[in-house]
N, C-alpha and C. Protein backbone atom coordinates (compact mmCIF):
# COMPACT_ATOMS: atom_id res chain seq x y z
N UNK A 1 17.10 14.06 9.57
CA UNK A 1 16.30 15.06 8.91
C UNK A 1 16.40 14.85 7.40
N UNK A 2 15.31 15.11 6.69
CA UNK A 2 15.30 14.95 5.24
C UNK A 2 14.46 16.06 4.62
N UNK A 3 14.70 16.28 3.34
CA UNK A 3 13.94 17.29 2.61
C UNK A 3 13.77 16.89 1.15
N UNK A 4 12.71 17.39 0.54
CA UNK A 4 12.49 17.17 -0.89
C UNK A 4 13.39 18.14 -1.64
N UNK A 5 14.23 17.62 -2.53
CA UNK A 5 15.11 18.51 -3.30
C UNK A 5 14.70 18.60 -4.77
N UNK A 6 13.80 17.69 -5.20
CA UNK A 6 13.33 17.73 -6.59
C UNK A 6 12.01 16.98 -6.71
N UNK A 7 11.14 17.53 -7.52
CA UNK A 7 9.91 16.84 -7.90
C UNK A 7 9.60 17.24 -9.33
N UNK A 8 9.25 16.26 -10.16
CA UNK A 8 8.99 16.55 -11.56
C UNK A 8 7.62 17.17 -11.78
N UNK A 9 6.80 17.24 -10.74
CA UNK A 9 5.54 17.98 -10.84
C UNK A 9 5.28 18.70 -9.52
N UNK A 10 4.47 19.74 -9.60
CA UNK A 10 4.22 20.56 -8.42
C UNK A 10 2.79 21.08 -8.46
N UNK A 11 2.06 20.80 -7.40
CA UNK A 11 0.71 21.33 -7.21
C UNK A 11 0.77 22.22 -5.98
N UNK A 12 0.49 23.48 -6.14
CA UNK A 12 0.58 24.44 -5.05
C UNK A 12 -0.25 24.04 -3.83
N UNK A 13 -1.41 23.44 -4.07
CA UNK A 13 -2.29 23.05 -2.96
C UNK A 13 -1.83 21.77 -2.27
N UNK A 14 -1.16 20.90 -3.01
CA UNK A 14 -0.71 19.61 -2.49
C UNK A 14 0.73 19.34 -2.92
N UNK A 15 1.69 20.10 -2.35
CA UNK A 15 3.08 20.02 -2.81
C UNK A 15 3.78 18.73 -2.37
N UNK A 16 4.91 18.40 -3.01
CA UNK A 16 5.64 17.18 -2.69
C UNK A 16 6.13 17.11 -1.24
N UNK A 17 6.38 18.23 -0.61
CA UNK A 17 6.84 18.24 0.78
C UNK A 17 5.84 17.56 1.72
N UNK A 18 4.61 17.47 1.29
CA UNK A 18 3.58 16.85 2.13
C UNK A 18 3.83 15.36 2.39
N UNK A 19 4.59 14.69 1.54
CA UNK A 19 4.82 13.25 1.77
C UNK A 19 5.66 13.02 3.02
N UNK A 20 6.37 14.04 3.48
CA UNK A 20 7.18 13.91 4.69
C UNK A 20 6.45 14.41 5.93
N UNK A 21 5.24 14.90 5.76
CA UNK A 21 4.43 15.43 6.85
C UNK A 21 3.56 14.31 7.41
N UNK A 22 3.64 14.04 8.71
CA UNK A 22 2.86 12.94 9.28
C UNK A 22 1.35 13.19 9.36
N UNK A 23 0.90 14.40 9.08
CA UNK A 23 -0.53 14.72 9.14
C UNK A 23 -1.30 13.95 8.08
N UNK A 24 -2.40 13.34 8.46
CA UNK A 24 -3.22 12.59 7.52
C UNK A 24 -4.01 13.51 6.59
N UNK A 25 -4.02 14.80 6.88
CA UNK A 25 -4.74 15.77 6.05
C UNK A 25 -3.89 16.27 4.88
N UNK A 26 -2.61 15.94 4.86
CA UNK A 26 -1.69 16.44 3.84
C UNK A 26 -1.29 15.30 2.89
N UNK A 27 -1.13 15.62 1.61
CA UNK A 27 -0.67 14.65 0.62
C UNK A 27 -0.09 15.38 -0.58
N UNK A 28 0.62 14.63 -1.43
CA UNK A 28 1.16 15.16 -2.67
C UNK A 28 0.28 14.69 -3.81
N UNK A 29 -0.03 15.59 -4.72
CA UNK A 29 -0.81 15.26 -5.90
C UNK A 29 0.02 15.56 -7.14
N UNK A 30 0.14 14.57 -8.02
CA UNK A 30 0.88 14.79 -9.26
C UNK A 30 0.06 15.69 -10.18
N UNK A 31 0.73 16.21 -11.19
CA UNK A 31 0.05 17.08 -12.15
C UNK A 31 -0.08 16.41 -13.52
N UNK A 32 0.03 15.10 -13.55
CA UNK A 32 -0.18 14.37 -14.79
C UNK A 32 1.11 13.97 -15.49
N UNK A 33 0.97 13.06 -16.44
CA UNK A 33 2.06 12.52 -17.26
C UNK A 33 2.96 11.60 -16.43
N UNK A 34 3.59 10.65 -17.12
CA UNK A 34 4.48 9.70 -16.47
C UNK A 34 5.75 9.55 -17.29
N UNK A 35 6.86 9.24 -16.66
CA UNK A 35 7.06 9.00 -15.24
C UNK A 35 7.14 10.29 -14.44
N UNK A 36 6.99 10.18 -13.14
CA UNK A 36 7.13 11.28 -12.20
C UNK A 36 8.20 10.90 -11.19
N UNK A 37 9.00 11.88 -10.75
CA UNK A 37 10.08 11.61 -9.80
C UNK A 37 10.01 12.56 -8.62
N UNK A 38 10.37 12.03 -7.45
CA UNK A 38 10.52 12.83 -6.24
C UNK A 38 11.83 12.40 -5.61
N UNK A 39 12.72 13.37 -5.32
CA UNK A 39 14.00 13.07 -4.70
C UNK A 39 14.02 13.61 -3.27
N UNK A 40 14.40 12.73 -2.35
CA UNK A 40 14.51 13.07 -0.94
C UNK A 40 15.98 13.01 -0.55
N UNK A 41 16.50 14.12 0.02
CA UNK A 41 17.90 14.15 0.44
C UNK A 41 17.96 14.10 1.97
N UNK A 42 18.91 13.32 2.48
CA UNK A 42 19.13 13.20 3.92
C UNK A 42 20.30 14.09 4.32
N UNK A 43 20.25 14.62 5.55
CA UNK A 43 21.36 15.44 6.05
C UNK A 43 22.65 14.63 6.08
N UNK A 44 22.53 13.38 6.53
CA UNK A 44 23.68 12.48 6.61
C UNK A 44 23.30 11.18 5.90
N UNK A 45 24.28 10.55 5.28
CA UNK A 45 24.02 9.27 4.63
C UNK A 45 23.49 8.28 5.67
N UNK A 46 22.52 7.47 5.25
CA UNK A 46 21.95 6.49 6.17
C UNK A 46 21.64 5.21 5.43
N UNK A 47 21.63 4.11 6.17
CA UNK A 47 21.26 2.83 5.58
C UNK A 47 19.76 2.78 5.43
N UNK A 48 19.31 2.33 4.28
CA UNK A 48 17.88 2.20 4.00
C UNK A 48 17.60 0.75 3.63
N UNK A 49 16.69 0.14 4.38
CA UNK A 49 16.34 -1.26 4.13
C UNK A 49 15.02 -1.38 3.37
N UNK A 50 14.10 -0.43 3.64
CA UNK A 50 12.80 -0.50 2.96
C UNK A 50 12.17 0.89 2.88
N UNK A 51 11.24 1.01 1.94
CA UNK A 51 10.47 2.24 1.76
C UNK A 51 9.00 1.84 1.69
N UNK A 52 8.20 2.43 2.56
CA UNK A 52 6.75 2.19 2.56
C UNK A 52 6.04 3.44 2.06
N UNK A 53 5.11 3.24 1.15
CA UNK A 53 4.39 4.36 0.53
C UNK A 53 2.89 4.12 0.69
N UNK A 54 2.19 5.15 1.16
CA UNK A 54 0.73 5.13 1.17
C UNK A 54 0.32 6.04 0.03
N UNK A 55 -0.45 5.50 -0.92
CA UNK A 55 -0.72 6.24 -2.15
C UNK A 55 -2.10 5.90 -2.71
N UNK A 56 -2.40 6.55 -3.82
CA UNK A 56 -3.60 6.25 -4.58
C UNK A 56 -3.27 6.34 -6.07
N UNK A 57 -3.61 5.30 -6.83
CA UNK A 57 -3.51 5.35 -8.29
C UNK A 57 -2.17 4.99 -8.89
N UNK A 58 -1.24 4.43 -8.10
CA UNK A 58 0.06 4.05 -8.64
C UNK A 58 0.00 2.61 -9.14
N UNK A 59 0.50 2.39 -10.36
CA UNK A 59 0.53 1.04 -10.94
C UNK A 59 1.93 0.44 -10.90
N UNK A 60 2.95 1.27 -11.13
CA UNK A 60 4.33 0.77 -11.17
C UNK A 60 5.25 1.83 -10.55
N UNK A 61 6.10 1.41 -9.60
CA UNK A 61 6.97 2.35 -8.90
C UNK A 61 8.36 1.75 -8.74
N UNK A 62 9.36 2.63 -8.70
CA UNK A 62 10.75 2.23 -8.56
C UNK A 62 11.40 3.09 -7.46
N UNK A 63 12.31 2.46 -6.70
CA UNK A 63 13.11 3.18 -5.71
C UNK A 63 14.55 3.13 -6.18
N UNK A 64 15.16 4.31 -6.24
CA UNK A 64 16.56 4.41 -6.65
C UNK A 64 17.33 5.18 -5.59
N UNK A 65 18.61 4.90 -5.47
CA UNK A 65 19.42 5.57 -4.46
C UNK A 65 20.71 6.13 -5.06
N UNK A 66 21.22 7.16 -4.39
CA UNK A 66 22.49 7.78 -4.74
C UNK A 66 23.26 7.92 -3.43
N UNK A 67 24.55 7.60 -3.45
CA UNK A 67 25.34 7.60 -2.22
C UNK A 67 26.02 8.93 -1.92
N UNK A 68 25.83 9.94 -2.78
CA UNK A 68 26.44 11.25 -2.51
C UNK A 68 25.50 12.38 -2.91
N UNK A 69 25.95 13.61 -2.70
CA UNK A 69 25.13 14.80 -2.99
C UNK A 69 25.05 15.15 -4.47
N UNK A 70 25.76 14.44 -5.32
CA UNK A 70 25.83 14.82 -6.73
C UNK A 70 24.50 14.64 -7.46
N UNK A 71 23.65 13.80 -6.94
CA UNK A 71 22.33 13.51 -7.52
C UNK A 71 22.47 12.99 -8.96
N UNK A 72 23.52 12.22 -9.18
CA UNK A 72 23.71 11.49 -10.43
C UNK A 72 24.10 10.06 -10.07
N UNK A 73 24.08 9.20 -11.03
CA UNK A 73 24.45 7.79 -10.83
C UNK A 73 23.53 7.09 -9.83
N UNK A 74 22.24 7.24 -10.03
CA UNK A 74 21.28 6.53 -9.20
C UNK A 74 21.30 5.04 -9.55
N UNK A 75 21.11 4.20 -8.54
CA UNK A 75 21.03 2.76 -8.73
C UNK A 75 19.65 2.28 -8.32
N UNK A 76 19.01 1.51 -9.19
CA UNK A 76 17.70 0.96 -8.86
C UNK A 76 17.86 -0.08 -7.77
N UNK A 77 17.11 0.09 -6.68
CA UNK A 77 17.20 -0.81 -5.54
C UNK A 77 15.95 -1.68 -5.37
N UNK A 78 14.82 -1.20 -5.89
CA UNK A 78 13.57 -1.96 -5.76
C UNK A 78 12.59 -1.45 -6.81
N UNK A 79 11.71 -2.36 -7.25
CA UNK A 79 10.69 -1.99 -8.22
C UNK A 79 9.49 -2.89 -8.01
N UNK A 80 8.32 -2.30 -8.11
CA UNK A 80 7.10 -3.10 -8.01
C UNK A 80 6.21 -2.77 -9.20
N UNK A 81 5.82 -3.84 -9.93
CA UNK A 81 4.96 -3.71 -11.10
C UNK A 81 3.56 -4.19 -10.74
N UNK A 82 2.58 -3.71 -11.46
CA UNK A 82 1.19 -4.17 -11.30
C UNK A 82 0.71 -4.13 -9.85
N UNK A 83 0.90 -2.98 -9.23
CA UNK A 83 0.37 -2.78 -7.88
C UNK A 83 -1.15 -2.81 -7.99
N UNK A 84 -1.83 -3.57 -7.14
CA UNK A 84 -3.29 -3.66 -7.25
C UNK A 84 -3.97 -2.30 -7.14
N UNK A 85 -5.00 -2.11 -7.95
CA UNK A 85 -5.78 -0.87 -7.94
C UNK A 85 -6.83 -0.98 -6.84
N UNK A 86 -6.41 -0.66 -5.64
CA UNK A 86 -7.26 -0.80 -4.45
C UNK A 86 -8.36 0.25 -4.42
N UNK A 87 -9.45 -0.10 -3.77
CA UNK A 87 -10.43 0.93 -3.40
C UNK A 87 -9.85 1.63 -2.19
N UNK A 88 -9.74 2.91 -2.27
CA UNK A 88 -9.08 3.62 -1.17
C UNK A 88 -7.58 3.67 -1.39
N UNK A 89 -6.85 3.77 -0.30
CA UNK A 89 -5.40 3.96 -0.39
C UNK A 89 -4.64 2.65 -0.54
N UNK A 90 -3.56 2.72 -1.30
CA UNK A 90 -2.65 1.59 -1.48
C UNK A 90 -1.58 1.65 -0.40
N UNK A 91 -1.16 0.50 0.08
CA UNK A 91 -0.03 0.42 1.00
C UNK A 91 1.04 -0.42 0.33
N UNK A 92 2.11 0.24 -0.08
CA UNK A 92 3.18 -0.40 -0.85
C UNK A 92 4.44 -0.44 0.01
N UNK A 93 5.06 -1.60 0.13
CA UNK A 93 6.34 -1.70 0.84
C UNK A 93 7.36 -2.31 -0.11
N UNK A 94 8.45 -1.60 -0.31
CA UNK A 94 9.53 -2.07 -1.19
C UNK A 94 10.78 -2.30 -0.36
N UNK A 95 11.28 -3.53 -0.37
CA UNK A 95 12.52 -3.86 0.31
C UNK A 95 13.66 -3.66 -0.67
N UNK A 96 14.70 -2.95 -0.24
CA UNK A 96 15.82 -2.67 -1.11
C UNK A 96 16.67 -3.91 -1.30
N UNK A 97 17.29 -4.02 -2.48
CA UNK A 97 18.13 -5.16 -2.83
C UNK A 97 19.27 -5.30 -1.82
N UNK A 98 19.91 -4.18 -1.50
CA UNK A 98 20.94 -4.14 -0.47
C UNK A 98 20.69 -2.88 0.35
N UNK A 99 21.34 -2.79 1.47
CA UNK A 99 21.14 -1.62 2.34
C UNK A 99 22.31 -0.65 2.16
N UNK A 100 22.26 0.16 1.13
CA UNK A 100 23.37 1.08 0.88
C UNK A 100 23.31 2.29 1.83
N UNK A 101 24.43 2.99 1.93
CA UNK A 101 24.43 4.28 2.61
C UNK A 101 23.87 5.29 1.63
N UNK A 102 22.68 5.77 1.92
CA UNK A 102 21.94 6.60 0.98
C UNK A 102 22.01 8.06 1.40
N UNK A 103 22.34 8.91 0.45
CA UNK A 103 22.30 10.36 0.66
C UNK A 103 21.06 10.95 -0.01
N UNK A 104 20.69 10.39 -1.19
CA UNK A 104 19.50 10.84 -1.91
C UNK A 104 18.70 9.61 -2.33
N UNK A 105 17.41 9.64 -2.05
CA UNK A 105 16.50 8.55 -2.43
C UNK A 105 15.50 9.10 -3.44
N UNK A 106 15.34 8.38 -4.54
CA UNK A 106 14.41 8.80 -5.59
C UNK A 106 13.25 7.82 -5.66
N UNK A 107 12.04 8.36 -5.61
CA UNK A 107 10.83 7.58 -5.86
C UNK A 107 10.40 7.93 -7.27
N UNK A 108 10.35 6.92 -8.14
CA UNK A 108 9.93 7.15 -9.52
C UNK A 108 8.62 6.40 -9.76
N UNK A 109 7.56 7.16 -9.98
CA UNK A 109 6.28 6.55 -10.32
C UNK A 109 6.28 6.42 -11.84
N UNK A 110 6.39 5.18 -12.30
CA UNK A 110 6.57 4.91 -13.72
C UNK A 110 5.24 4.89 -14.46
N UNK A 111 4.21 4.39 -13.78
CA UNK A 111 2.90 4.25 -14.42
C UNK A 111 1.81 4.35 -13.37
N UNK A 112 0.66 4.89 -13.78
CA UNK A 112 -0.48 4.98 -12.88
C UNK A 112 -1.73 4.41 -13.53
N UNK A 113 -2.78 4.28 -12.74
CA UNK A 113 -4.05 3.80 -13.26
C UNK A 113 -4.87 4.91 -13.92
N UNK A 114 -4.56 6.14 -13.57
CA UNK A 114 -5.23 7.30 -14.14
C UNK A 114 -4.16 8.31 -14.54
N UNK A 115 -4.57 9.49 -14.95
CA UNK A 115 -3.61 10.52 -15.33
C UNK A 115 -2.86 11.09 -14.13
N UNK A 116 -3.46 11.01 -12.94
CA UNK A 116 -2.90 11.59 -11.74
C UNK A 116 -2.79 10.53 -10.66
N UNK A 117 -1.94 10.76 -9.67
CA UNK A 117 -1.83 9.88 -8.51
C UNK A 117 -1.57 10.75 -7.29
N UNK A 118 -1.70 10.18 -6.12
CA UNK A 118 -1.39 10.89 -4.88
C UNK A 118 -0.47 10.02 -4.03
N UNK A 119 0.42 10.68 -3.28
CA UNK A 119 1.21 10.01 -2.25
C UNK A 119 0.88 10.70 -0.93
N UNK A 120 0.42 9.90 0.02
CA UNK A 120 -0.01 10.44 1.31
C UNK A 120 1.08 10.40 2.35
N UNK A 121 1.95 9.42 2.26
CA UNK A 121 3.09 9.37 3.19
C UNK A 121 4.15 8.42 2.64
N UNK A 122 5.38 8.69 3.10
CA UNK A 122 6.52 7.83 2.79
C UNK A 122 7.25 7.57 4.10
N UNK A 123 7.49 6.30 4.39
CA UNK A 123 8.23 5.91 5.59
C UNK A 123 9.49 5.18 5.14
N UNK A 124 10.63 5.67 5.57
CA UNK A 124 11.91 5.11 5.17
C UNK A 124 12.54 4.44 6.38
N UNK A 125 12.81 3.15 6.26
CA UNK A 125 13.41 2.40 7.37
C UNK A 125 14.81 1.94 7.02
């Protein structure tokens, strides 16, 4: 089980919790400015090998992990620059440098193609 414990932006109609909802009708919409962060906390620490994101308008993204509940001392595990500006949704897969025991995972959208971006789903393997 996982939950969103922090998001640097919040849209009441399209909240960050939607990225964990498997419904294709739900998504998260940023409220502008960069960088933007979303932190996902797991009930129990788990090994994470990759993170797949279905999104729109993301140009540069980073995945960071924390091994405890303190939500400090994040380590960058993966980063992708110059993600193609696709027509329609982007499918981004980031493989982590190592498979740490993760308690909190941070998705940091560093740059976008426009002022706003959307994340439609996140799959953590």
